[in-house]
Amino acid sequence: MKNPKIFNIFFREKPTMMLVNLKNAKGEVYASALAKSVDCTYSHVVKILQEMEKAGLINFEKQGRLKLLTLTKTGSEIADHMEQIRNIM
């Protein structure tokens, strides 16, 4: 990225990186692992994820006591565009 500061002016870094990390994940992703990968607290990640779920960007799939995170089609498309914009900047 040529200018990371300008990217952060247009997009909030943590939510954007959460979507991009979900898109690029090789295996199953849980909120705790996502929090570590974007250097954020678990509670903040869950709050953002709940908003993303309301917006139709992600799904929570309960597996026992854990919730698996998956992107919806719309969430995946948005993550693709965000990553492209990030790479241009």
C-alpha atoms as a PDB file:
ATOM      1  CA  MET A   1       0.000   0.000   0.000  1.00  0.00           C
ATOM      2  CA  LYS A   2       1.423   3.341  -1.036  1.00  0.00           C
ATOM      3  CA  ASN A   3      -0.265   5.508   1.588  1.00  0.00           C
ATOM      4  CA  PRO A   4      -1.899   3.652   4.495  1.00  0.00           C
ATOM      5  CA  LYS A   5      -2.946   6.881   6.252  1.00  0.00           C
ATOM      6  CA  ILE A   6      -5.254   7.921   3.397  1.00  0.00           C
ATOM      7  CA  PHE A   7      -6.872   4.473   3.440  1.00  0.00           C
ATOM      8  CA  ASN A   8      -7.676   4.883   7.136  1.00  0.00           C
ATOM      9  CA  ILE A   9      -9.273   8.257   6.436  1.00  0.00           C
ATOM     10  CA  PHE A  10     -11.839   6.639   4.126  1.00  0.00           C
ATOM     11  CA  PHE A  11     -12.253   3.308   5.883  1.00  0.00           C
ATOM     12  CA  ARG A  12     -12.069   2.336   9.526  1.00  0.00           C
ATOM     13  CA  GLU A  13      -9.105   0.004   9.739  1.00  0.00           C
ATOM     14  CA  LYS A  14     -10.388  -2.736  12.085  1.00  0.00           C
ATOM     15  CA  PRO A  15     -13.759  -3.468  10.428  1.00  0.00           C
ATOM     16  CA  THR A  16     -12.157  -3.374   6.988  1.00  0.00           C
ATOM     17  CA  MET A  17      -9.390  -5.740   8.018  1.00  0.00           C
ATOM     18  CA  MET A  18     -11.941  -8.053   9.641  1.00  0.00           C
ATOM     19  CA  LEU A  19     -13.811  -8.416   6.338  1.00  0.00           C
ATOM     20  CA  VAL A  20     -10.613  -8.860   4.335  1.00  0.00           C
ATOM     21  CA  ASN A  21      -9.248 -11.424   6.821  1.00  0.00           C
ATOM     22  CA  LEU A  22     -12.516 -13.367   6.685  1.00  0.00           C
ATOM     23  CA  LYS A  23     -12.342 -13.372   2.893  1.00  0.00           C
ATOM     24  CA  ASN A  24      -8.742 -14.588   2.862  1.00  0.00           C
ATOM     25  CA  ALA A  25      -9.112 -17.164   5.653  1.00  0.00           C
ATOM     26  CA  LYS A  26      -7.936 -20.652   4.780  1.00  0.00           C
ATOM     27  CA  GLY A  27     -10.002 -22.477   7.389  1.00  0.00           C
ATOM     28  CA  GLU A  28     -12.730 -21.898   9.919  1.00  0.00           C
ATOM     29  CA  VAL A  29     -12.729 -18.490  11.609  1.00  0.00           C
ATOM     30  CA  TYR A  30     -14.024 -17.631  15.050  1.00  0.00           C
ATOM     31  CA  ALA A  31     -14.329 -14.203  16.664  1.00  0.00           C
ATOM     32  CA  SER A  32     -11.443 -14.852  19.072  1.00  0.00           C
ATOM     33  CA  ALA A  33      -9.053 -15.754  16.232  1.00  0.00           C
ATOM     34  CA  LEU A  34     -10.246 -12.773  14.196  1.00  0.00           C
ATOM     35  CA  ALA A  35      -9.616 -10.466  17.171  1.00  0.00           C
ATOM     36  CA  LYS A  36      -6.019 -11.656  17.356  1.00  0.00           C
ATOM     37  CA  SER A  37      -5.443 -11.305  13.619  1.00  0.00           C
ATOM     38  CA  VAL A  38      -6.604  -7.662  13.558  1.00  0.00           C
ATOM     39  CA  ASP A  39      -5.085  -6.786  16.963  1.00  0.00           C
ATOM     40  CA  CYS A  40      -8.371  -5.872  18.584  1.00  0.00           C
ATOM     41  CA  THR A  41     -10.219  -6.840  21.743  1.00  0.00           C
ATOM     42  CA  TYR A  42     -12.676  -9.703  21.566  1.00  0.00           C
ATOM     43  CA  SER A  43     -15.566  -7.553  22.800  1.00  0.00           C
ATOM     44  CA  HIS A  44     -14.923  -4.875  20.163  1.00  0.00           C
ATOM     45  CA  VAL A  45     -14.754  -7.522  17.418  1.00  0.00           C
ATOM     46  CA  VAL A  46     -18.049  -9.082  18.540  1.00  0.00           C
ATOM     47  CA  LYS A  47     -19.742  -5.667  18.554  1.00  0.00           C
ATOM     48  CA  ILE A  48     -18.541  -4.947  14.997  1.00  0.00           C
ATOM     49  CA  LEU A  49     -19.485  -8.454  13.840  1.00  0.00           C
ATOM     50  CA  GLN A  50     -23.010  -8.030  15.200  1.00  0.00           C
ATOM     51  CA  GLU A  51     -23.383  -4.850  13.139  1.00  0.00           C
ATOM     52  CA  MET A  52     -22.020  -6.645  10.078  1.00  0.00           C
ATOM     53  CA  GLU A  53     -24.521  -9.443  10.617  1.00  0.00           C
ATOM     54  CA  LYS A  54     -27.384  -6.928  10.791  1.00  0.00           C
ATOM     55  CA  ALA A  55     -26.116  -5.420   7.515  1.00  0.00           C
ATOM     56  CA  GLY A  56     -26.113  -8.855   5.865  1.00  0.00           C
ATOM     57  CA  LEU A  57     -22.335  -9.063   5.435  1.00  0.00           C
ATOM     58  CA  ILE A  58     -21.582 -12.075   7.635  1.00  0.00           C
ATOM     59  CA  ASN A  59     -23.292 -15.085   9.168  1.00  0.00           C
ATOM     60  CA  PHE A  60     -22.752 -16.670  12.559  1.00  0.00           C
ATOM     61  CA  GLU A  61     -23.031 -20.457  12.494  1.00  0.00           C
ATOM     62  CA  LYS A  62     -23.206 -21.994  15.942  1.00  0.00           C
ATOM     63  CA  GLN A  63     -20.971 -25.038  16.504  1.00  0.00           C
ATOM     64  CA  GLY A  64     -21.417 -26.120  20.088  1.00  0.00           C
ATOM     65  CA  ARG A  65     -20.356 -23.191  22.253  1.00  0.00           C
ATOM     66  CA  LEU A  66     -18.463 -21.510  19.409  1.00  0.00           C
ATOM     67  CA  LYS A  67     -19.764 -19.413  16.521  1.00  0.00           C
ATOM     68  CA  LEU A  68     -18.171 -19.915  13.130  1.00  0.00           C
ATOM     69  CA  LEU A  69     -17.984 -16.776  10.973  1.00  0.00           C
ATOM     70  CA  THR A  70     -18.701 -16.803   7.263  1.00  0.00           C
ATOM     71  CA  LEU A  71     -19.097 -14.022   4.735  1.00  0.00           C
ATOM     72  CA  THR A  72     -22.306 -13.672   2.791  1.00  0.00           C
ATOM     73  CA  LYS A  73     -22.118 -13.100  -0.959  1.00  0.00           C
ATOM     74  CA  THR A  74     -22.500  -9.355  -0.371  1.00  0.00           C
ATOM     75  CA  GLY A  75     -19.860  -9.399   2.368  1.00  0.00           C
ATOM     76  CA  SER A  76     -17.439 -11.213   0.092  1.00  0.00           C
ATOM     77  CA  GLU A  77     -18.007  -8.711  -2.724  1.00  0.00           C
ATOM     78  CA  ILE A  78     -17.447  -5.766  -0.386  1.00  0.00           C
ATOM     79  CA  ALA A  79     -14.282  -7.380   1.013  1.00  0.00           C
ATOM     80  CA  ASP A  80     -12.990  -7.854  -2.557  1.00  0.00           C
ATOM     81  CA  HIS A  81     -13.588  -4.184  -3.366  1.00  0.00           C
ATOM     82  CA  MET A  82     -12.005  -3.004  -0.114  1.00  0.00           C
ATOM     83  CA  GLU A  83      -8.926  -5.090  -0.775  1.00  0.00           C
ATOM     84  CA  GLN A  84      -8.662  -3.708  -4.321  1.00  0.00           C
ATOM     85  CA  ILE A  85      -8.961  -0.130  -3.054  1.00  0.00           C
ATOM     86  CA  ARG A  86      -6.383  -0.834  -0.357  1.00  0.00           C
ATOM     87  CA  ASN A  87      -3.938  -2.181  -2.927  1.00  0.00           C
ATOM     88  CA  ILE A  88      -4.385   0.865  -5.189  1.00  0.00           C
ATOM     89  CA  MET A  89      -3.633   3.264  -2.346  1.00  0.00           C
END
